[in-house]
């Protein structure tokens, strides 16, 4: 045999050679792994290797001897037979051991790949069932925690500048404390900052031996603060070994995967397990960005639908509210110009009609401009302390001036003079009250009732209520009535004039003044209530305001 050539393998049907090779391998195993003696003996009995090489089979009596005597005899055979010590035998044993190692390594690699693919398939199936990120994370955290035999597995969404993250999904083994609904520190956690800086996984086998980067300053605090933060987490949640893997998409942080081993013994994080977590993190990052994109798409679709409704309403309102008065004005002016002998009384009627429709158009254009200024933020606010009752009286005067008394419903006021002052811009507050009262009067018949009242809700806010016994609003449309150009029905647009901007203007004004506005109704023909809140002046501030006014008067 050429000693210089590399040994590649053998192929033989000679039982003596096969038995010899098996004997060499089993004795080599026995030498380096004596604790496997029973398994070695079982293998020899199974495959009939209980023979002295070159001497034939032993009797059944020999097979029944104790393991100790047999192993001693086998050892003597190996040491006494010189053919076991030649280079061929040694190379044969080495080759068999190397082959066994390669097979074991290949098996482990295949098992790891199978486990990785199985987890990815589970997450992919969850993603196909739903694009809800919470559902996908819930499935992933359970499967990943089980696969890696972790004591605790956390997956949460976060961004680079988040101070904390609320834990909503976790996997727990038995006798480990849950961190669900806990505020998990991020900016003060040096591990999180290390992951954010390197955009790679960070692992600690033994948290009692923290690496140097855990003792550096974080963007939110000093070294002491960073050390206290991580030591508090380790102590409170009994974390002995820690692994953090980021969820990234094109360099943007979307979330984090954390694996904890609790107890007293450190845990080594094998490379294949870290690779598995990173593969799952990559898949989750893609999944989260898809869910985020889908949510944004849904939001954009809703905005487009709202924009389309606004466009349709604008066209309908413009066609009705502009064309009708323009046609009336044109007819009146043509009649005046073509009939110079028209009686004075009829001439005056024509002029009054044209002026009324011109004023109607002016109000329509004014509503457009008012809403535009409010939405663009170009309005100058003059906030001061005001009695609400004065604003209500001004609004009622405006309503009575624009409506004939016979068409108005019965309007009652329940606003006490003992109410605290409100902090608002008087002109805009009167505008809100006027539009709400005008809206209530338009949709309430003359035999109906409109009531305006106010109460203090105990949160430094005054709640104003404008209620009526009119047509009411369907419950599903209570929020939509505040949209721009919103009108209930085509029939209402024909029977009741208006631009559909009044309530949208009211919402803008009340929001700018620091309050809220909403509508309530039990349904059609059940009346409606419009509520809004406005800040009030505390008693101490009211006393100071009264003293300052007295000083000015003296």
Foldseek 3Di string as FASTA:
>chain_A
DDPVDQDDDDDDPDVLVVLLLLLLQLVVCCVVPVVCLVVSLVVCVVVVSLDQRPPDHDDPVVNPDDSVVSNVVSVCSCVVDCVCVDPVNVSSNVVVVVVVVVVVVVVVVVVLVVLLVVLLVQLVVQLVVDLPLVSSQQRNQASLCVVVVFQKKFKFWDFPPDQWTATQHMDHDPPFDDRHRPTHGQQLALLNVVCLVVVAKDKDQAVVDDDPSQQQAGPVGGSVSSVVNVVCVCVVRQFGIKMKHFQDDPSTTTIIMMTGHGDDHGDDDDPSSSVSVNSVSPSSSVSNVVSVVVVVVVVVVVVVVLVVVQVVLQVVQCCPLVVVLVVLLVVLVVCCVVCVPDDPVVNVVSVVSNVVSVVSVVVLVVLVVLLVCLVVVVDDWDWDWAQVVVLLVVLVVVLCVVDPLQFFAAEEEAEDSPDFTFTGRSVVSSLLNNLLRNVQRQQAGRPWYWYWYWDDPPPQKIKIKIKIQGFWAAPVCFVVLLRFSDDDDPVCCVSGPDRSNSSVSSQSRLVVQPKGKTKDTPHTSRIIMIMMMTGGDDPVRRVVVVVVVVVVVD
